[in-house]
Protein backbone atom coordinates (compact mmCIF):
# COMPACT_ATOMS: atom_id res chain seq x y z
CA MET A 1 103.31 122.19 114.38
CA ALA A 2 104.41 122.38 110.76
CA ASN A 3 102.64 123.51 107.61
CA LYS A 4 104.45 122.67 104.38
CA SER A 5 103.48 123.63 100.83
CA LEU A 6 104.27 120.99 98.22
CA LYS A 7 103.87 120.02 94.60
CA ILE A 8 102.76 116.51 93.65
CA LYS A 9 103.49 115.24 90.16
CA VAL A 10 100.52 113.28 88.85
CA SER A 11 101.93 112.32 85.44
CA SER A 12 103.87 113.83 82.54
CA SER A 13 100.66 114.49 80.65
CA ILE A 14 98.60 115.82 83.57
CA GLY A 15 101.40 117.71 85.32
CA SER A 16 101.59 118.62 88.99
CA VAL A 17 99.12 119.80 91.61
CA SER A 18 99.53 121.85 94.76
CA ALA A 19 99.39 120.25 98.18
CA GLU A 20 99.61 121.30 101.81
CA CYS A 21 100.86 119.11 104.63
CA ASN A 22 99.91 119.82 108.25
CA SER A 23 101.67 117.82 110.96
CA THR A 24 103.13 117.86 114.45
CA LYS A 25 106.22 116.23 115.93
CA LYS A 26 103.87 113.78 117.65
CA SER A 27 101.86 112.83 114.56
CA LYS A 28 100.66 109.22 114.91
CA TYR A 29 98.86 108.82 111.57
CA ILE A 30 99.09 110.34 108.09
CA MET A 31 95.93 110.96 106.09
CA THR A 32 95.40 112.18 102.53
CA LEU A 33 92.41 114.50 102.17
CA ALA A 34 90.76 115.03 98.78
CA HIS A 35 88.44 117.98 98.23
CA GLY A 36 84.94 118.05 96.79
CA ALA A 37 83.68 119.02 93.35
CA GLY A 38 82.80 122.58 94.28
CA ALA A 39 85.99 123.91 95.88
CA GLY A 40 89.72 123.24 96.11
CA MET A 41 92.04 122.21 98.90
CA ASN A 42 92.09 125.71 100.40
CA HIS A 43 88.34 125.91 101.02
CA ILE A 44 87.71 126.89 104.63
CA PHE A 45 86.20 123.46 105.39
CA MET A 46 89.36 121.73 104.19
CA GLU A 47 91.66 124.08 106.05
CA GLN A 48 89.76 123.98 109.34
CA LEU A 49 89.27 120.21 109.24
CA SER A 50 93.01 119.75 108.63
CA GLU A 51 93.78 121.99 111.61
CA ALA A 52 91.33 120.14 113.85
CA LEU A 53 92.87 116.80 112.88
CA MET A 54 96.40 118.13 113.37
CA LEU A 55 95.52 119.16 116.93
CA LEU A 56 94.81 115.47 117.55
CA ASP A 57 98.22 114.53 116.09
CA ILE A 58 96.89 113.34 112.76
CA ALA A 59 99.08 114.58 109.92
CA VAL A 60 97.04 115.65 106.88
CA LEU A 61 98.13 115.94 103.26
CA ARG A 62 95.44 117.79 101.37
CA PHE A 63 95.81 118.40 97.65
CA ASN A 64 94.15 119.81 94.58
CA PHE A 65 92.65 117.83 91.77
CA PRO A 66 93.88 119.10 88.37
CA PHE A 67 90.57 120.80 87.59
CA SER A 68 90.87 122.90 90.73
CA GLU A 69 94.58 123.51 90.20
CA ASN A 70 93.83 124.86 86.72
CA LYS A 71 90.71 126.74 87.82
CA LYS A 72 88.33 124.76 85.65
CA GLY A 73 84.71 124.52 86.70
CA ARG A 74 84.07 120.94 85.73
CA PRO A 75 85.51 118.11 87.87
CA ASP A 76 88.09 115.78 86.39
CA SER A 77 87.16 112.44 84.88
CA PRO A 78 87.45 109.50 87.29
CA ALA A 79 90.61 108.33 85.50
CA VAL A 80 92.39 111.65 86.15
CA ALA A 81 91.04 111.87 89.70
CA HIS A 82 92.24 108.32 90.44
CA GLN A 83 95.74 109.12 89.15
CA THR A 84 95.86 112.19 91.38
CA ILE A 85 94.80 110.21 94.43
CA GLU A 86 97.40 107.56 93.66
CA ALA A 87 100.11 110.24 93.48
CA ALA A 88 98.94 111.83 96.75
CA ILE A 89 98.95 108.48 98.55
CA ALA A 90 102.47 107.78 97.29
CA LYS A 91 103.60 111.24 98.45
CA ALA A 92 102.11 110.76 101.91
CA LYS A 93 103.83 107.40 102.26
CA LYS A 94 107.15 108.94 101.22
CA LEU A 95 106.80 111.83 103.67
CA PHE A 96 105.78 109.65 106.63
CA PRO A 97 106.99 106.10 105.90
CA SER A 98 106.67 104.92 109.50
CA LEU A 99 103.10 106.15 110.14
CA PRO A 100 99.87 104.23 109.43
CA LEU A 101 98.40 105.65 106.22
CA PHE A 102 94.74 106.58 105.76
CA ALA A 103 92.88 108.15 102.84
CA ALA A 104 89.92 110.49 103.10
CA GLY A 105 87.80 112.85 101.11
CA LYS A 106 84.98 115.35 101.18
CA SER A 107 82.09 114.33 98.93
CA PHE A 108 83.48 113.89 95.38
CA GLY A 109 86.97 113.47 96.83
CA GLY A 110 85.84 110.61 99.04
CA ARG A 111 83.98 108.86 96.24
CA MET A 112 86.98 109.11 93.88
CA THR A 113 89.25 107.81 96.65
CA SER A 114 87.05 104.79 97.29
CA GLN A 115 86.73 104.09 93.57
CA TYR A 116 90.51 104.07 93.28
CA LEU A 117 90.99 101.83 96.32
CA SER A 118 88.26 99.44 95.17
CA GLU A 119 90.56 98.55 92.26
CA HIS A 120 93.93 98.72 94.04
CA PHE A 121 93.99 96.12 96.79
CA GLU A 122 97.77 96.32 97.07
CA SER A 123 97.63 99.82 98.54
CA ASP A 124 99.18 100.49 101.95
CA VAL A 125 96.10 102.46 103.00
CA LYS A 126 94.69 101.16 106.31
CA GLY A 127 91.24 102.72 106.01
CA ILE A 128 89.04 105.31 104.27
CA ILE A 129 87.19 108.22 105.84
CA PHE A 130 84.23 109.81 104.05
CA TYR A 131 83.30 113.33 105.12
CA GLY A 132 79.87 113.16 103.54
CA PHE A 133 79.65 110.37 100.95
CA PRO A 134 77.66 111.71 97.94
CA LEU A 135 75.29 108.79 97.53
CA HIS A 136 73.02 110.52 95.02
CA ALA A 137 72.25 113.85 93.38
CA PRO A 138 70.06 116.28 95.37
CA GLY A 139 66.43 115.25 95.17
CA LYS A 140 67.21 112.04 93.28
CA PRO A 141 67.58 109.30 95.90
CA SER A 142 69.39 106.18 94.73
CA ILE A 143 72.24 103.91 95.82
CA GLU A 144 74.04 103.05 92.55
CA ARG A 145 77.02 105.23 93.44
CA ALA A 146 77.77 102.85 96.31
CA ASP A 147 78.12 99.71 94.19
CA HIS A 148 81.93 99.84 94.09
CA LEU A 149 82.14 99.92 97.89
CA LYS A 150 81.37 96.20 97.98
CA LYS A 151 84.83 95.51 96.54
CA ILE A 152 86.75 97.44 99.19
CA LYS A 153 88.66 95.23 101.62
CA ILE A 154 89.74 97.83 104.20
CA PRO A 155 87.71 99.55 106.97
CA MET A 156 85.56 102.53 106.04
CA LEU A 157 84.27 105.36 108.23
CA PHE A 158 81.22 107.27 107.01
CA LEU A 159 80.64 110.59 108.76
CA GLN A 160 77.24 111.70 107.50
CA GLY A 161 74.90 114.53 108.39
CA SER A 162 71.37 113.49 109.24
CA ARG A 163 70.11 116.17 106.79
CA ASP A 164 72.64 115.48 104.02
CA GLU A 165 71.00 116.42 100.72
CA LEU A 166 73.24 113.99 98.86
CA ALA A 167 72.66 110.99 101.10
CA ARG A 168 69.16 110.39 102.41
CA TRP A 169 69.64 108.86 105.83
CA ASP A 170 67.66 105.67 105.35
CA LEU A 171 69.60 104.97 102.15
CA ILE A 172 73.10 105.57 103.51
CA GLU A 173 72.17 103.55 106.58
CA SER A 174 71.04 100.66 104.38
CA VAL A 175 74.24 100.83 102.29
CA CYS A 176 76.51 100.83 105.33
CA SER A 177 74.65 98.00 107.03
CA SER A 178 75.39 95.84 103.99
CA LEU A 179 79.15 96.52 104.17
CA PRO A 180 80.99 94.45 106.81
CA LYS A 181 83.90 96.92 106.89
CA ALA A 182 81.77 100.06 107.27
CA THR A 183 81.18 102.22 110.33
CA LEU A 184 78.46 104.88 110.03
CA VAL A 185 78.38 107.89 112.35
CA ARG A 186 75.33 110.16 112.35
CA ILE A 187 76.11 113.87 112.71
CA GLU A 188 72.78 115.09 114.01
CA GLY A 189 71.22 118.05 112.21
CA ALA A 190 74.08 118.52 109.75
CA ASN A 191 73.66 118.99 106.01
CA HIS A 192 76.14 117.96 103.30
CA MET A 193 78.46 120.84 104.20
CA PHE A 194 78.26 119.84 107.88
CA LYS A 195 76.38 122.97 108.81
CA SER A 196 73.82 122.82 111.58
CA GLY A 197 72.83 126.27 112.76
CA LYS A 198 75.66 127.80 114.76
CA LYS A 199 77.12 124.49 115.89
CA LYS A 200 80.84 124.01 115.22
CA LEU A 201 80.97 120.45 113.96
CA LEU A 202 84.54 120.18 112.67
CA PRO A 203 85.95 119.27 116.10
CA ASP A 204 83.35 116.48 116.24
CA LEU A 205 84.43 115.20 112.83
CA ALA A 206 88.07 115.24 113.91
CA LYS A 207 87.28 113.44 117.18
CA GLU A 208 85.25 110.73 115.44
CA THR A 209 88.11 110.25 112.96
CA ASN A 210 90.70 110.01 115.73
CA ASP A 211 88.63 107.62 117.82
CA TRP A 212 88.07 105.32 114.83
CA MET A 213 91.75 105.31 113.87
CA ASN A 214 92.75 104.56 117.47
CA GLN A 215 90.27 101.68 117.61
CA LEU A 216 91.67 100.19 114.41
CA SER A 217 95.18 100.43 115.84
CA ILE A 218 94.09 98.61 119.00
CA LEU A 219 92.45 95.83 116.96
CA ARG A 220 95.67 95.32 115.06
């Protein structure tokens, strides 16, 4: 197993962000992992999810958005977030050129990733994984944030808690049922942070991710 600290240059005006790559000698996929709006790449959720995925031979490149890198409280604009995701995807491809490439994100990171990929059909990304898609603000159910998903041409995996405060179940279920490329997995009892009492859900998230990636590989 290898853990490697990196720097990813986003642009001359934005600068560089920190990244961490977790992999094994048997890694069969490479996945970028973008963090949420409330914490950076070294949040315990991000670290433990990366470790759980690595144990299943999925290499993970997690990275900071500039706002987290520079310790600013407010998330970056979509334009800056999209540039950062583009740079991370390019870095992952350079590091593991022979492995199938996937992109993923927690909450804000997943939404920014899907927004970017909805406009960049030429990407080498084979699929997107959402660890809690933030469909709406807490207590304000709506589905407008999902409009861009209709333009995505690659498979999508939605791992959603049944008690997610940012994605009422009936709404996320309706959204996913309208997307031919979407797979929705219900994580029973979990909230947006994938907490459900004392249950340890990160191994479940890693297993669902691995199973989905394997299935896509078989279909190809």
